Amino acid sequence: MNRFLLAVFIVALTLPAAGVAQTAATAVHAPTVKIGWLDADQVIQTCDEGARIMADMQKFVDAKNAELDAMRREFEELRNRLEVQAAKLTDEALMDLDEKASSQELKLQRFQEDTQRDITARRQRLINNISAKIGPIIEKVALEKGLDAILLLNPQRDAWINPALNVTEDVIKAYNQAYPAGVPTIPPAAKKP
C-alpha cells in the first residue's frame, strides 16, 4: 500500500509540471494580438467638425448665461424691493410685489432647467452624429496599422498605456479627411450616384 501511495504522490507531483510545460509551449505558439487605444471624447471634441460644433455650442451657452444673469438681476431687484419697501407698502402692493418675485423665481428655475435640457440634447446630437460616422474610420486606421482591436481609453480604468498604442490622433486626422468641417455630410443611404 505504501508503494501505491508513493506512486499516486509522484503522479500528483508531476501533473502540474506537465501542465505548466504544456501551457508554456502553447504560449510560445499563441498568435500575437496588436491592440490600439482610442480616446473617444478627444476625437469628438477635437476633430474639425466636433470643434466647430463645440464652438457653436459655447456661443449658445454664453448667450443663455447672459439671459440667465439678466433674469437673476431682475429677481434680486424684486427681492430687494420687497425687503426694503415691505414696511411702506400696502398689503395689496406687498402681495403684488411678492407675487412678481415668486413668478420671476419660477421663471428663472424653468429657464435654467430648459437650458440645461437643451444643452444636454445638443451635446448628445453631436456625440451621436460623430459616433455614427466614426466606425468605418476606426476600422480603416486599425487595418492601416495592422491592429487586431482598438479599445476605448478609460482614464479611470487604465493606469498607463504606451503612447505608441494610442491611435486617437490618427483617427482624428482620418475623420477630418473623410468629413471636412463646414461641408454638410450626406448619410450613406442618401448619397446620389
N, C-alpha and C. Protein backbone atom coordinates (compact mmCIF):
# COMPACT_ATOMS: atom_id res chain seq x y z
N MET A 1 0.82 -1.18 0.00
CA MET A 1 0.00 0.00 0.00
C MET A 1 0.86 1.24 0.00
N ASN A 2 1.95 1.21 0.68
CA ASN A 2 2.85 2.37 0.69
C ASN A 2 3.37 2.67 -0.70
N ARG A 3 3.65 1.59 -1.48
CA ARG A 3 4.11 1.79 -2.84
C ARG A 3 3.03 2.46 -3.68
N PHE A 4 1.81 2.05 -3.46
CA PHE A 4 0.69 2.63 -4.20
C PHE A 4 0.56 4.12 -3.87
N LEU A 5 0.61 4.47 -2.59
CA LEU A 5 0.54 5.87 -2.19
C LEU A 5 1.71 6.67 -2.74
N LEU A 6 2.88 6.06 -2.76
CA LEU A 6 4.05 6.73 -3.30
C LEU A 6 3.88 6.98 -4.79
N ALA A 7 3.33 6.02 -5.52
CA ALA A 7 3.11 6.17 -6.97
C ALA A 7 2.08 7.28 -7.23
N VAL A 8 1.00 7.30 -6.44
CA VAL A 8 -0.03 8.34 -6.59
C VAL A 8 0.57 9.71 -6.28
N PHE A 9 1.41 9.78 -5.26
CA PHE A 9 2.04 11.03 -4.86
C PHE A 9 2.96 11.54 -5.97
N ILE A 10 3.74 10.65 -6.59
CA ILE A 10 4.65 11.03 -7.67
C ILE A 10 3.85 11.52 -8.88
N VAL A 11 2.78 10.82 -9.22
CA VAL A 11 1.93 11.23 -10.34
C VAL A 11 1.31 12.59 -10.05
N ALA A 12 0.85 12.80 -8.83
CA ALA A 12 0.23 14.07 -8.45
C ALA A 12 1.24 15.21 -8.54
N LEU A 13 2.49 14.95 -8.22
CA LEU A 13 3.52 15.99 -8.31
C LEU A 13 3.90 16.29 -9.75
N THR A 14 3.88 15.32 -10.62
CA THR A 14 4.31 15.54 -11.99
C THR A 14 3.22 16.14 -12.88
N LEU A 15 1.95 15.99 -12.52
CA LEU A 15 0.87 16.54 -13.35
C LEU A 15 0.93 18.06 -13.48
N PRO A 16 1.07 18.79 -12.39
CA PRO A 16 1.16 20.25 -12.55
C PRO A 16 2.36 20.67 -13.39
N ALA A 17 3.49 19.99 -13.24
CA ALA A 17 4.67 20.33 -14.03
C ALA A 17 4.40 20.08 -15.51
N ALA A 18 3.70 19.01 -15.83
CA ALA A 18 3.37 18.72 -17.23
C ALA A 18 2.42 19.78 -17.76
N GLY A 19 1.48 20.23 -16.94
CA GLY A 19 0.54 21.28 -17.36
C GLY A 19 1.25 22.60 -17.61
N VAL A 20 2.22 22.94 -16.76
CA VAL A 20 2.99 24.18 -16.94
C VAL A 20 3.80 24.09 -18.22
N ALA A 21 4.41 22.96 -18.47
CA ALA A 21 5.20 22.80 -19.69
C ALA A 21 4.32 22.92 -20.91
N GLN A 22 3.13 22.33 -20.85
CA GLN A 22 2.20 22.41 -21.98
C GLN A 22 1.72 23.85 -22.18
N THR A 23 1.42 24.56 -21.08
CA THR A 23 0.99 25.94 -21.16
C THR A 23 2.10 26.81 -21.75
N ALA A 24 3.34 26.60 -21.33
CA ALA A 24 4.46 27.37 -21.85
C ALA A 24 4.64 27.10 -23.34
N ALA A 25 4.49 25.85 -23.74
CA ALA A 25 4.63 25.52 -25.15
C ALA A 25 3.51 26.16 -25.96
N THR A 26 2.31 26.18 -25.44
CA THR A 26 1.18 26.80 -26.12
C THR A 26 1.38 28.30 -26.23
N ALA A 27 1.89 28.92 -25.18
CA ALA A 27 2.10 30.37 -25.17
C ALA A 27 3.11 30.78 -26.23
N VAL A 28 4.12 29.95 -26.45
CA VAL A 28 5.13 30.26 -27.45
C VAL A 28 4.50 30.29 -28.84
N HIS A 29 3.51 29.45 -29.08
CA HIS A 29 2.89 29.36 -30.40
C HIS A 29 1.61 30.19 -30.52
N ALA A 30 1.22 30.88 -29.45
CA ALA A 30 -0.01 31.68 -29.49
C ALA A 30 0.22 32.90 -30.38
N PRO A 31 -0.78 33.27 -31.16
CA PRO A 31 -0.62 34.43 -32.03
C PRO A 31 -0.54 35.72 -31.20
N THR A 32 0.20 36.67 -31.70
CA THR A 32 0.33 37.96 -31.04
C THR A 32 -0.84 38.83 -31.44
N VAL A 33 -1.44 39.48 -30.47
CA VAL A 33 -2.59 40.35 -30.72
C VAL A 33 -2.11 41.79 -30.56
N LYS A 34 -2.37 42.61 -31.58
CA LYS A 34 -1.98 44.02 -31.51
C LYS A 34 -3.23 44.85 -31.21
N ILE A 35 -3.14 45.64 -30.16
CA ILE A 35 -4.28 46.44 -29.72
C ILE A 35 -3.90 47.92 -29.72
N GLY A 36 -4.82 48.74 -30.17
CA GLY A 36 -4.65 50.18 -30.10
C GLY A 36 -5.68 50.75 -29.15
N TRP A 37 -5.46 51.98 -28.72
CA TRP A 37 -6.36 52.63 -27.77
C TRP A 37 -6.86 53.93 -28.37
N LEU A 38 -8.10 54.28 -28.06
CA LEU A 38 -8.74 55.46 -28.62
C LEU A 38 -9.44 56.25 -27.52
N ASP A 39 -9.18 57.55 -27.47
CA ASP A 39 -9.88 58.45 -26.55
C ASP A 39 -11.05 59.05 -27.33
N ALA A 40 -12.22 58.48 -27.19
CA ALA A 40 -13.40 58.89 -27.97
C ALA A 40 -13.81 60.32 -27.67
N ASP A 41 -13.71 60.74 -26.41
CA ASP A 41 -14.06 62.12 -26.06
C ASP A 41 -13.16 63.11 -26.79
N GLN A 42 -11.88 62.79 -26.85
CA GLN A 42 -10.94 63.67 -27.53
C GLN A 42 -11.26 63.75 -29.02
N VAL A 43 -11.61 62.62 -29.62
CA VAL A 43 -11.98 62.61 -31.05
C VAL A 43 -13.18 63.52 -31.27
N ILE A 44 -14.21 63.36 -30.47
CA ILE A 44 -15.45 64.12 -30.65
C ILE A 44 -15.20 65.61 -30.44
N GLN A 45 -14.41 65.97 -29.47
CA GLN A 45 -14.21 67.38 -29.13
C GLN A 45 -13.17 68.08 -30.00
N THR A 46 -12.23 67.33 -30.58
CA THR A 46 -11.15 68.00 -31.31
C THR A 46 -11.11 67.74 -32.80
N CYS A 47 -11.92 66.82 -33.31
CA CYS A 47 -11.97 66.71 -34.76
C CYS A 47 -12.56 68.03 -35.27
N ASP A 48 -12.29 68.38 -36.51
CA ASP A 48 -12.72 69.69 -37.02
C ASP A 48 -14.22 69.92 -36.86
N GLU A 49 -15.00 68.91 -37.21
CA GLU A 49 -16.46 69.03 -37.11
C GLU A 49 -16.90 69.20 -35.66
N GLY A 50 -16.34 68.39 -34.77
CA GLY A 50 -16.69 68.46 -33.36
C GLY A 50 -16.27 69.78 -32.74
N ALA A 51 -15.07 70.25 -33.09
CA ALA A 51 -14.59 71.53 -32.55
C ALA A 51 -15.48 72.68 -33.02
N ARG A 52 -15.91 72.64 -34.29
CA ARG A 52 -16.79 73.69 -34.81
C ARG A 52 -18.13 73.67 -34.08
N ILE A 53 -18.69 72.49 -33.89
CA ILE A 53 -19.98 72.37 -33.20
C ILE A 53 -19.84 72.77 -31.73
N MET A 54 -18.72 72.38 -31.10
CA MET A 54 -18.48 72.75 -29.70
C MET A 54 -18.35 74.28 -29.57
N ALA A 55 -17.71 74.93 -30.54
CA ALA A 55 -17.59 76.40 -30.51
C ALA A 55 -18.97 77.04 -30.65
N ASP A 56 -19.80 76.48 -31.55
CA ASP A 56 -21.17 76.99 -31.69
C ASP A 56 -21.96 76.78 -30.40
N MET A 57 -21.76 75.63 -29.79
CA MET A 57 -22.45 75.33 -28.55
C MET A 57 -22.00 76.28 -27.44
N GLN A 58 -20.71 76.62 -27.42
CA GLN A 58 -20.22 77.54 -26.41
C GLN A 58 -20.84 78.92 -26.59
N LYS A 59 -21.02 79.35 -27.84
CA LYS A 59 -21.69 80.63 -28.10
C LYS A 59 -23.13 80.60 -27.57
N PHE A 60 -23.79 79.47 -27.80
CA PHE A 60 -25.16 79.28 -27.31
C PHE A 60 -25.19 79.37 -25.79
N VAL A 61 -24.26 78.67 -25.14
CA VAL A 61 -24.19 78.66 -23.68
C VAL A 61 -23.90 80.07 -23.15
N ASP A 62 -23.00 80.78 -23.79
CA ASP A 62 -22.68 82.15 -23.36
C ASP A 62 -23.90 83.06 -23.47
N ALA A 63 -24.64 82.92 -24.57
CA ALA A 63 -25.86 83.74 -24.74
C ALA A 63 -26.89 83.39 -23.66
N LYS A 64 -27.06 82.11 -23.38
CA LYS A 64 -28.02 81.69 -22.35
C LYS A 64 -27.57 82.17 -20.97
N ASN A 65 -26.26 82.16 -20.72
CA ASN A 65 -25.75 82.66 -19.43
C ASN A 65 -26.03 84.15 -19.28
N ALA A 66 -25.90 84.89 -20.37
CA ALA A 66 -26.21 86.32 -20.32
C ALA A 66 -27.69 86.54 -20.01
N GLU A 67 -28.56 85.75 -20.64
CA GLU A 67 -30.00 85.82 -20.34
C GLU A 67 -30.27 85.48 -18.88
N LEU A 68 -29.61 84.44 -18.42
CA LEU A 68 -29.79 83.99 -17.04
C LEU A 68 -29.34 85.07 -16.05
N ASP A 69 -28.22 85.71 -16.34
CA ASP A 69 -27.74 86.79 -15.46
C ASP A 69 -28.75 87.93 -15.40
N ALA A 70 -29.32 88.30 -16.54
CA ALA A 70 -30.32 89.38 -16.58
C ALA A 70 -31.55 88.99 -15.75
N MET A 71 -31.97 87.73 -15.87
CA MET A 71 -33.13 87.26 -15.11
C MET A 71 -32.82 87.25 -13.61
N ARG A 72 -31.61 86.86 -13.25
CA ARG A 72 -31.21 86.84 -11.83
C ARG A 72 -31.20 88.26 -11.26
N ARG A 73 -30.65 89.20 -12.05
CA ARG A 73 -30.63 90.60 -11.57
C ARG A 73 -32.05 91.11 -11.35
N GLU A 74 -32.95 90.78 -12.28
CA GLU A 74 -34.35 91.20 -12.14
C GLU A 74 -34.98 90.60 -10.89
N PHE A 75 -34.71 89.32 -10.66
CA PHE A 75 -35.24 88.64 -9.47
C PHE A 75 -34.68 89.27 -8.19
N GLU A 76 -33.36 89.49 -8.17
CA GLU A 76 -32.74 90.09 -6.99
C GLU A 76 -33.28 91.50 -6.74
N GLU A 77 -33.52 92.25 -7.79
CA GLU A 77 -34.08 93.59 -7.66
C GLU A 77 -35.48 93.53 -7.03
N LEU A 78 -36.28 92.59 -7.49
CA LEU A 78 -37.62 92.41 -6.91
C LEU A 78 -37.53 92.03 -5.43
N ARG A 79 -36.64 91.11 -5.11
CA ARG A 79 -36.47 90.67 -3.72
C ARG A 79 -35.98 91.83 -2.84
N ASN A 80 -35.03 92.60 -3.36
CA ASN A 80 -34.53 93.74 -2.59
C ASN A 80 -35.64 94.78 -2.36
N ARG A 81 -36.40 95.05 -3.40
CA ARG A 81 -37.52 95.99 -3.26
C ARG A 81 -38.51 95.49 -2.21
N LEU A 82 -38.75 94.19 -2.23
CA LEU A 82 -39.68 93.59 -1.28
C LEU A 82 -39.16 93.77 0.15
N GLU A 83 -37.88 93.54 0.37
CA GLU A 83 -37.31 93.68 1.71
C GLU A 83 -37.27 95.14 2.17
N VAL A 84 -36.85 96.01 1.26
CA VAL A 84 -36.67 97.42 1.63
C VAL A 84 -38.02 98.13 1.80
N GLN A 85 -38.96 97.85 0.91
CA GLN A 85 -40.22 98.59 0.90
C GLN A 85 -41.35 97.89 1.64
N ALA A 86 -41.10 96.75 2.21
CA ALA A 86 -42.16 95.97 2.84
C ALA A 86 -42.95 96.77 3.87
N ALA A 87 -42.29 97.52 4.67
CA ALA A 87 -42.96 98.28 5.74
C ALA A 87 -43.76 99.46 5.18
N LYS A 88 -43.38 99.97 4.01
CA LYS A 88 -44.02 101.15 3.44
C LYS A 88 -45.20 100.82 2.52
N LEU A 89 -45.29 99.56 2.10
CA LEU A 89 -46.31 99.17 1.11
C LEU A 89 -47.62 98.75 1.78
N THR A 90 -48.68 98.93 1.03
CA THR A 90 -49.97 98.42 1.49
C THR A 90 -49.95 96.90 1.36
N ASP A 91 -50.88 96.25 2.00
CA ASP A 91 -50.95 94.79 1.93
C ASP A 91 -51.11 94.33 0.48
N GLU A 92 -51.94 95.03 -0.25
CA GLU A 92 -52.17 94.65 -1.65
C GLU A 92 -50.91 94.84 -2.49
N ALA A 93 -50.21 95.95 -2.33
CA ALA A 93 -48.97 96.22 -3.07
C ALA A 93 -47.88 95.22 -2.67
N LEU A 94 -47.83 94.88 -1.39
CA LEU A 94 -46.86 93.90 -0.90
C LEU A 94 -47.12 92.52 -1.52
N MET A 95 -48.39 92.13 -1.55
CA MET A 95 -48.75 90.83 -2.16
C MET A 95 -48.42 90.83 -3.65
N ASP A 96 -48.68 91.97 -4.33
CA ASP A 96 -48.40 92.08 -5.75
C ASP A 96 -46.90 91.95 -6.02
N LEU A 97 -46.08 92.62 -5.25
CA LEU A 97 -44.63 92.56 -5.40
C LEU A 97 -44.10 91.17 -5.07
N ASP A 98 -44.64 90.54 -4.03
CA ASP A 98 -44.25 89.18 -3.66
C ASP A 98 -44.62 88.20 -4.76
N GLU A 99 -45.78 88.40 -5.36
CA GLU A 99 -46.23 87.55 -6.46
C GLU A 99 -45.29 87.70 -7.66
N LYS A 100 -44.88 88.94 -7.97
CA LYS A 100 -43.96 89.17 -9.09
C LYS A 100 -42.61 88.50 -8.81
N ALA A 101 -42.13 88.61 -7.59
CA ALA A 101 -40.84 88.00 -7.23
C ALA A 101 -40.93 86.47 -7.32
N SER A 102 -42.03 85.91 -6.83
CA SER A 102 -42.21 84.45 -6.90
C SER A 102 -42.32 83.99 -8.35
N SER A 103 -43.04 84.75 -9.15
CA SER A 103 -43.19 84.43 -10.57
C SER A 103 -41.83 84.49 -11.27
N GLN A 104 -41.04 85.51 -10.95
CA GLN A 104 -39.71 85.65 -11.56
C GLN A 104 -38.79 84.50 -11.13
N GLU A 105 -38.90 84.09 -9.88
CA GLU A 105 -38.09 82.98 -9.37
C GLU A 105 -38.45 81.68 -10.11
N LEU A 106 -39.73 81.45 -10.30
CA LEU A 106 -40.18 80.26 -11.02
C LEU A 106 -39.72 80.32 -12.48
N LYS A 107 -39.82 81.48 -13.08
CA LYS A 107 -39.37 81.67 -14.47
C LYS A 107 -37.87 81.39 -14.58
N LEU A 108 -37.12 81.85 -13.60
CA LEU A 108 -35.68 81.63 -13.55
C LEU A 108 -35.35 80.13 -13.45
N GLN A 109 -36.04 79.42 -12.58
CA GLN A 109 -35.82 77.97 -12.41
C GLN A 109 -36.15 77.22 -13.70
N ARG A 110 -37.28 77.56 -14.31
CA ARG A 110 -37.68 76.89 -15.56
C ARG A 110 -36.67 77.17 -16.67
N PHE A 111 -36.21 78.42 -16.75
CA PHE A 111 -35.22 78.78 -17.76
C PHE A 111 -33.95 77.95 -17.58
N GLN A 112 -33.48 77.80 -16.35
CA GLN A 112 -32.28 77.01 -16.08
C GLN A 112 -32.49 75.55 -16.49
N GLU A 113 -33.63 74.98 -16.11
CA GLU A 113 -33.91 73.58 -16.44
C GLU A 113 -34.02 73.38 -17.95
N ASP A 114 -34.75 74.28 -18.62
CA ASP A 114 -34.91 74.17 -20.08
C ASP A 114 -33.57 74.33 -20.79
N THR A 115 -32.78 75.27 -20.33
CA THR A 115 -31.47 75.49 -20.95
C THR A 115 -30.57 74.28 -20.76
N GLN A 116 -30.56 73.72 -19.56
CA GLN A 116 -29.73 72.54 -19.31
C GLN A 116 -30.18 71.37 -20.18
N ARG A 117 -31.48 71.20 -20.31
CA ARG A 117 -32.01 70.13 -21.16
C ARG A 117 -31.59 70.35 -22.61
N ASP A 118 -31.65 71.59 -23.06
CA ASP A 118 -31.28 71.92 -24.43
C ASP A 118 -29.79 71.67 -24.67
N ILE A 119 -28.95 72.07 -23.73
CA ILE A 119 -27.50 71.86 -23.86
C ILE A 119 -27.18 70.37 -23.89
N THR A 120 -27.82 69.61 -23.02
CA THR A 120 -27.61 68.16 -22.99
C THR A 120 -28.03 67.52 -24.31
N ALA A 121 -29.16 67.94 -24.85
CA ALA A 121 -29.64 67.41 -26.13
C ALA A 121 -28.68 67.76 -27.26
N ARG A 122 -28.16 68.98 -27.27
CA ARG A 122 -27.20 69.38 -28.31
C ARG A 122 -25.93 68.55 -28.22
N ARG A 123 -25.43 68.34 -27.01
CA ARG A 123 -24.22 67.51 -26.85
C ARG A 123 -24.48 66.08 -27.31
N GLN A 124 -25.64 65.55 -26.98
CA GLN A 124 -25.96 64.18 -27.37
C GLN A 124 -26.06 64.06 -28.89
N ARG A 125 -26.64 65.07 -29.54
CA ARG A 125 -26.71 65.06 -31.01
C ARG A 125 -25.31 65.07 -31.62
N LEU A 126 -24.41 65.87 -31.04
CA LEU A 126 -23.03 65.92 -31.51
C LEU A 126 -22.38 64.54 -31.38
N ILE A 127 -22.52 63.94 -30.22
CA ILE A 127 -21.93 62.62 -29.98
C ILE A 127 -22.52 61.59 -30.94
N ASN A 128 -23.84 61.59 -31.09
CA ASN A 128 -24.49 60.63 -31.97
C ASN A 128 -24.07 60.82 -33.42
N ASN A 129 -23.98 62.07 -33.86
CA ASN A 129 -23.62 62.37 -35.24
C ASN A 129 -22.22 61.86 -35.57
N ILE A 130 -21.25 62.18 -34.71
CA ILE A 130 -19.88 61.75 -34.97
C ILE A 130 -19.74 60.24 -34.75
N SER A 131 -20.39 59.72 -33.74
CA SER A 131 -20.31 58.27 -33.47
C SER A 131 -20.85 57.45 -34.63
N ALA A 132 -21.89 57.96 -35.29
CA ALA A 132 -22.48 57.23 -36.42
C ALA A 132 -21.52 57.15 -37.60
N LYS A 133 -20.63 58.12 -37.71
CA LYS A 133 -19.72 58.15 -38.86
C LYS A 133 -18.32 57.62 -38.54
N ILE A 134 -18.01 57.40 -37.29
CA ILE A 134 -16.63 57.10 -36.92
C ILE A 134 -16.25 55.62 -37.06
N GLY A 135 -17.24 54.73 -37.04
CA GLY A 135 -16.95 53.29 -37.12
C GLY A 135 -16.04 52.91 -38.28
N PRO A 136 -16.38 53.28 -39.51
CA PRO A 136 -15.51 52.94 -40.64
C PRO A 136 -14.13 53.60 -40.56
N ILE A 137 -14.06 54.76 -39.95
CA ILE A 137 -12.77 55.46 -39.79
C ILE A 137 -11.87 54.66 -38.84
N ILE A 138 -12.44 54.20 -37.75
CA ILE A 138 -11.68 53.39 -36.79
C ILE A 138 -11.18 52.11 -37.45
N GLU A 139 -12.06 51.48 -38.21
CA GLU A 139 -11.68 50.25 -38.91
C GLU A 139 -10.54 50.51 -39.88
N LYS A 140 -10.62 51.61 -40.62
CA LYS A 140 -9.58 51.97 -41.59
C LYS A 140 -8.24 52.16 -40.88
N VAL A 141 -8.22 52.89 -39.79
CA VAL A 141 -6.99 53.13 -39.03
C VAL A 141 -6.44 51.81 -38.49
N ALA A 142 -7.32 50.96 -37.97
CA ALA A 142 -6.88 49.67 -37.43
C ALA A 142 -6.22 48.82 -38.52
N LEU A 143 -6.83 48.78 -39.70
CA LEU A 143 -6.26 47.98 -40.79
C LEU A 143 -4.93 48.57 -41.27
N GLU A 144 -4.85 49.90 -41.37
CA GLU A 144 -3.61 50.54 -41.80
C GLU A 144 -2.47 50.27 -40.82
N LYS A 145 -2.77 50.19 -39.54
CA LYS A 145 -1.75 49.99 -38.51
C LYS A 145 -1.55 48.51 -38.17
N GLY A 146 -2.32 47.64 -38.80
CA GLY A 146 -2.19 46.21 -38.53
C GLY A 146 -2.66 45.83 -37.13
N LEU A 147 -3.68 46.52 -36.64
CA LEU A 147 -4.20 46.23 -35.30
C LEU A 147 -5.32 45.21 -35.36
N ASP A 148 -5.40 44.40 -34.33
CA ASP A 148 -6.47 43.41 -34.22
C ASP A 148 -7.69 44.00 -33.51
N ALA A 149 -7.46 45.03 -32.70
CA ALA A 149 -8.56 45.65 -31.96
C ALA A 149 -8.16 47.06 -31.56
N ILE A 150 -9.17 47.91 -31.43
CA ILE A 150 -8.98 49.24 -30.85
C ILE A 150 -9.97 49.35 -29.71
N LEU A 151 -9.44 49.60 -28.53
CA LEU A 151 -10.27 49.70 -27.34
C LEU A 151 -10.38 51.15 -26.91
N LEU A 152 -11.47 51.46 -26.22
CA LEU A 152 -11.68 52.83 -25.74
C LEU A 152 -10.84 53.08 -24.50
N LEU A 153 -10.13 54.18 -24.53
CA LEU A 153 -9.30 54.60 -23.41
C LEU A 153 -10.21 55.06 -22.28
N ASN A 154 -9.92 54.60 -21.08
CA ASN A 154 -10.70 54.98 -19.92
C ASN A 154 -9.73 55.33 -18.79
N PRO A 155 -9.52 56.63 -18.54
CA PRO A 155 -8.55 57.04 -17.52
C PRO A 155 -8.86 56.50 -16.12
N GLN A 156 -10.10 56.19 -15.85
CA GLN A 156 -10.46 55.65 -14.54
C GLN A 156 -10.06 54.18 -14.41
N ARG A 157 -9.92 53.51 -15.54
CA ARG A 157 -9.59 52.09 -15.53
C ARG A 157 -8.13 51.85 -15.91
N ASP A 158 -7.63 52.62 -16.87
CA ASP A 158 -6.31 52.38 -17.45
C ASP A 158 -5.26 53.23 -16.75
N ALA A 159 -4.36 52.59 -16.02
CA ALA A 159 -3.33 53.31 -15.28
C ALA A 159 -2.29 53.91 -16.21
N TRP A 160 -1.87 53.16 -17.21
CA TRP A 160 -0.87 53.64 -18.16
C TRP A 160 -1.00 52.84 -19.44
N ILE A 161 -0.82 53.53 -20.55
CA ILE A 161 -0.83 52.88 -21.85
C ILE A 161 0.33 53.46 -22.65
N ASN A 162 1.05 52.61 -23.33
CA ASN A 162 2.15 53.06 -24.16
C ASN A 162 1.62 54.06 -25.18
N PRO A 163 2.15 55.27 -25.21
CA PRO A 163 1.66 56.29 -26.14
C PRO A 163 1.69 55.85 -27.60
N ALA A 164 2.57 54.93 -27.93
CA ALA A 164 2.64 54.44 -29.31
C ALA A 164 1.39 53.63 -29.69
N LEU A 165 0.65 53.16 -28.69
CA LEU A 165 -0.56 52.38 -28.95
C LEU A 165 -1.81 53.26 -29.01
N ASN A 166 -1.67 54.55 -28.72
CA ASN A 166 -2.80 55.47 -28.74
C ASN A 166 -3.01 55.95 -30.19
N VAL A 167 -4.13 55.59 -30.78
CA VAL A 167 -4.42 55.93 -32.19
C VAL A 167 -5.38 57.10 -32.31
N THR A 168 -5.61 57.82 -31.22
CA THR A 168 -6.58 58.92 -31.22
C THR A 168 -6.26 59.95 -32.30
N GLU A 169 -5.03 60.42 -32.35
CA GLU A 169 -4.65 61.44 -33.35
C GLU A 169 -4.82 60.92 -34.77
N ASP A 170 -4.51 59.64 -34.99
CA ASP A 170 -4.67 59.05 -36.32
C ASP A 170 -6.14 59.02 -36.72
N VAL A 171 -7.01 58.70 -35.77
CA VAL A 171 -8.45 58.66 -36.05
C VAL A 171 -8.97 60.08 -36.32
N ILE A 172 -8.50 61.06 -35.55
CA ILE A 172 -8.92 62.45 -35.77
C ILE A 172 -8.51 62.90 -37.17
N LYS A 173 -7.28 62.62 -37.54
CA LYS A 173 -6.78 63.02 -38.86
C LYS A 173 -7.59 62.35 -39.97
N ALA A 174 -7.85 61.06 -39.84
CA ALA A 174 -8.63 60.34 -40.85
C ALA A 174 -10.07 60.84 -40.90
N TYR A 175 -10.64 61.15 -39.73
CA TYR A 175 -12.01 61.67 -39.68
C TYR A 175 -12.09 63.03 -40.37
N ASN A 176 -11.11 63.90 -40.10
CA ASN A 176 -11.09 65.23 -40.72
C ASN A 176 -10.95 65.14 -42.24
N GLN A 177 -10.21 64.15 -42.71
CA GLN A 177 -10.08 63.96 -44.17
C GLN A 177 -11.38 63.45 -44.77
N ALA A 178 -12.05 62.55 -44.06
CA ALA A 178 -13.29 61.97 -44.57
C ALA A 178 -14.47 62.94 -44.46
N TYR A 179 -14.48 63.74 -43.40
CA TYR A 179 -15.60 64.66 -43.15
C TYR A 179 -15.05 66.06 -42.83
N PRO A 180 -14.64 66.80 -43.86
CA PRO A 180 -14.13 68.15 -43.60
C PRO A 180 -15.20 69.01 -42.93
N ALA A 181 -14.77 69.81 -41.95
CA ALA A 181 -15.71 70.67 -41.23
C ALA A 181 -16.25 71.72 -42.18
N GLY A 182 -17.50 72.08 -41.98
CA GLY A 182 -18.13 73.09 -42.81
C GLY A 182 -18.81 72.52 -44.04
N VAL A 183 -18.49 71.29 -44.39
CA VAL A 183 -19.12 70.65 -45.53
C VAL A 183 -20.25 69.77 -45.02
N PRO A 184 -21.50 70.04 -45.44
CA PRO A 184 -22.59 69.20 -44.95
C PRO A 184 -22.39 67.76 -45.42
N THR A 185 -22.63 66.84 -44.52
CA THR A 185 -22.46 65.43 -44.86
C THR A 185 -23.80 64.82 -45.21
N ILE A 186 -23.78 63.95 -46.20
CA ILE A 186 -24.99 63.25 -46.63
C ILE A 186 -24.86 61.83 -46.10
N PRO A 187 -25.90 61.35 -45.41
CA PRO A 187 -25.84 59.97 -44.92
C PRO A 187 -25.63 59.01 -46.09
N PRO A 188 -24.89 57.89 -45.88
CA PRO A 188 -24.57 56.96 -46.95
C PRO A 188 -25.77 56.51 -47.77
N ALA A 189 -26.93 56.28 -47.16
CA ALA A 189 -28.09 55.80 -47.89
C ALA A 189 -28.66 56.88 -48.81
N ALA A 190 -28.41 58.15 -48.50
CA ALA A 190 -29.00 59.25 -49.26
C ALA A 190 -28.08 59.79 -50.35
N LYS A 191 -26.86 59.26 -50.47
CA LYS A 191 -25.93 59.74 -51.49
C LYS A 191 -26.47 59.44 -52.86
N LYS A 192 -26.25 60.38 -53.76
CA LYS A 192 -26.71 60.21 -55.14
C LYS A 192 -25.55 59.68 -55.98
N PRO A 193 -25.84 58.81 -56.98
CA PRO A 193 -24.77 58.24 -57.78
C PRO A 193 -24.08 59.26 -58.65
